[in-house]
Amino acid sequence: MVNSDKYINSMRILQESGLNYSSAGKHGVCIRTNMGNVMFYPTQDKYVYKNKSYFGDASRVIDFVKEIQQANRQ
C-alpha cells in the first residue's frame, strides 16, 4: 500500500506542476520536453533521460525538467 500512496502523491505533485506528461505503462510517466522525454517511475523514485538513470522524487523530477528546459533557452 505504501507504493500506491507514493504513486498517488507523486501524481498529485506532477499535476500541480503544470508539466506536459502522460501515463506510460502501468507505473511510468512520460514527461515531454523540448529537449526530449523524461521517463519517471514514481513508485521507485527513479527517472530516465537520454538513457541515463537518476534517482529522485516527483519534486526532484520537476526541478530537473525545469533545468533542462532552462538550459535550452540559453
C-alpha atoms as a PDB file:
ATOM      1  CA  MET A   1       0.000   0.000   0.000  1.00  0.00           C
ATOM      2  CA  VAL A   2       2.935   2.337   0.564  1.00  0.00           C
ATOM      3  CA  ASN A   3       3.842   2.287  -3.138  1.00  0.00           C
ATOM      4  CA  SER A   4       0.250   3.128  -4.021  1.00  0.00           C
ATOM      5  CA  ASP A   5       0.314   6.121  -1.677  1.00  0.00           C
ATOM      6  CA  LYS A   6       3.675   7.214  -3.097  1.00  0.00           C
ATOM      7  CA  TYR A   7       2.300   6.946  -6.638  1.00  0.00           C
ATOM      8  CA  ILE A   8      -0.813   8.967  -5.804  1.00  0.00           C
ATOM      9  CA  ASN A   9       1.205  11.660  -4.038  1.00  0.00           C
ATOM     10  CA  SER A  10       3.728  11.870  -6.883  1.00  0.00           C
ATOM     11  CA  MET A  11       0.954  12.170  -9.461  1.00  0.00           C
ATOM     12  CA  ARG A  12      -0.668  14.960  -7.442  1.00  0.00           C
ATOM     13  CA  ILE A  13       2.642  16.848  -7.366  1.00  0.00           C
ATOM     14  CA  LEU A  14       3.120  16.374 -11.132  1.00  0.00           C
ATOM     15  CA  GLN A  15      -0.416  17.515 -11.845  1.00  0.00           C
ATOM     16  CA  GLU A  16       0.091  20.682  -9.809  1.00  0.00           C
ATOM     17  CA  SER A  17       3.361  21.408 -11.635  1.00  0.00           C
ATOM     18  CA  GLY A  18       1.644  22.042 -14.955  1.00  0.00           C
ATOM     19  CA  LEU A  19       4.178  19.926 -16.865  1.00  0.00           C
ATOM     20  CA  ASN A  20       3.103  18.133 -20.043  1.00  0.00           C
ATOM     21  CA  TYR A  21       3.038  14.428 -19.141  1.00  0.00           C
ATOM     22  CA  SER A  22       1.166  11.234 -19.902  1.00  0.00           C
ATOM     23  CA  SER A  23       0.972   7.748 -18.465  1.00  0.00           C
ATOM     24  CA  ALA A  24       3.496   5.280 -19.857  1.00  0.00           C
ATOM     25  CA  GLY A  25       2.774   1.733 -18.891  1.00  0.00           C
ATOM     26  CA  LYS A  26       1.456   0.551 -15.588  1.00  0.00           C
ATOM     27  CA  HIS A  27       3.608   2.693 -13.284  1.00  0.00           C
ATOM     28  CA  GLY A  28       5.539   5.022 -15.575  1.00  0.00           C
ATOM     29  CA  VAL A  29       5.045   8.629 -16.556  1.00  0.00           C
ATOM     30  CA  CYS A  30       6.425  10.274 -19.692  1.00  0.00           C
ATOM     31  CA  ILE A  31       7.173  13.990 -19.269  1.00  0.00           C
ATOM     32  CA  ARG A  32       7.542  15.671 -22.635  1.00  0.00           C
ATOM     33  CA  THR A  33      10.071  18.481 -23.032  1.00  0.00           C
ATOM     34  CA  ASN A  34      11.566  20.307 -25.989  1.00  0.00           C
ATOM     35  CA  MET A  35      14.872  18.591 -25.100  1.00  0.00           C
ATOM     36  CA  GLY A  36      13.447  15.050 -25.162  1.00  0.00           C
ATOM     37  CA  ASN A  37      11.286  12.918 -22.937  1.00  0.00           C
ATOM     38  CA  VAL A  38      11.908  12.191 -19.269  1.00  0.00           C
ATOM     39  CA  MET A  39      10.530   8.879 -18.027  1.00  0.00           C
ATOM     40  CA  PHE A  40       9.556   8.958 -14.346  1.00  0.00           C
ATOM     41  CA  TYR A  41       8.773   5.925 -12.192  1.00  0.00           C
ATOM     42  CA  PRO A  42       7.085   7.342  -9.072  1.00  0.00           C
ATOM     43  CA  THR A  43       6.993   4.157  -7.010  1.00  0.00           C
ATOM     44  CA  GLN A  44      10.763   3.745  -7.433  1.00  0.00           C
ATOM     45  CA  ASP A  45      11.770   7.443  -7.205  1.00  0.00           C
ATOM     46  CA  LYS A  46      13.643   6.935 -10.472  1.00  0.00           C
ATOM     47  CA  TYR A  47      13.726   8.879 -13.712  1.00  0.00           C
ATOM     48  CA  VAL A  48      15.483   8.334 -17.024  1.00  0.00           C
ATOM     49  CA  TYR A  49      16.678  10.950 -19.503  1.00  0.00           C
ATOM     50  CA  LYS A  50      18.680  10.136 -22.634  1.00  0.00           C
ATOM     51  CA  ASN A  51      19.417   6.590 -21.441  1.00  0.00           C
ATOM     52  CA  LYS A  52      20.800   7.744 -18.073  1.00  0.00           C
ATOM     53  CA  SER A  53      19.073   6.825 -14.826  1.00  0.00           C
ATOM     54  CA  TYR A  54      18.694   9.240 -11.934  1.00  0.00           C
ATOM     55  CA  PHE A  55      17.023   8.947  -8.556  1.00  0.00           C
ATOM     56  CA  GLY A  56      14.666  11.440  -7.004  1.00  0.00           C
ATOM     57  CA  ASP A  57      11.063  12.030  -6.057  1.00  0.00           C
ATOM     58  CA  ALA A  58       8.468  13.963  -8.056  1.00  0.00           C
ATOM     59  CA  SER A  59       9.764  17.334  -6.835  1.00  0.00           C
ATOM     60  CA  ARG A  60      13.286  16.494  -7.997  1.00  0.00           C
ATOM     61  CA  VAL A  61      11.989  15.394 -11.408  1.00  0.00           C
ATOM     62  CA  ILE A  62      10.115  18.686 -11.789  1.00  0.00           C
ATOM     63  CA  ASP A  63      13.287  20.614 -10.914  1.00  0.00           C
ATOM     64  CA  PHE A  64      15.281  18.500 -13.378  1.00  0.00           C
ATOM     65  CA  VAL A  65      12.804  19.140 -16.203  1.00  0.00           C
ATOM     66  CA  LYS A  66      12.866  22.871 -15.500  1.00  0.00           C
ATOM     67  CA  GLU A  67      16.685  22.806 -15.526  1.00  0.00           C
ATOM     68  CA  ILE A  68      16.906  21.160 -18.936  1.00  0.00           C
ATOM     69  CA  GLN A  69      14.251  23.469 -20.360  1.00  0.00           C
ATOM     70  CA  GLN A  70      16.113  26.488 -18.956  1.00  0.00           C
ATOM     71  CA  ALA A  71      19.392  25.249 -20.461  1.00  0.00           C
ATOM     72  CA  ASN A  72      17.713  25.060 -23.865  1.00  0.00           C
ATOM     73  CA  ARG A  73      16.671  28.725 -23.665  1.00  0.00           C
ATOM     74  CA  GLN A  74      20.202  29.969 -23.106  1.00  0.00           C
END
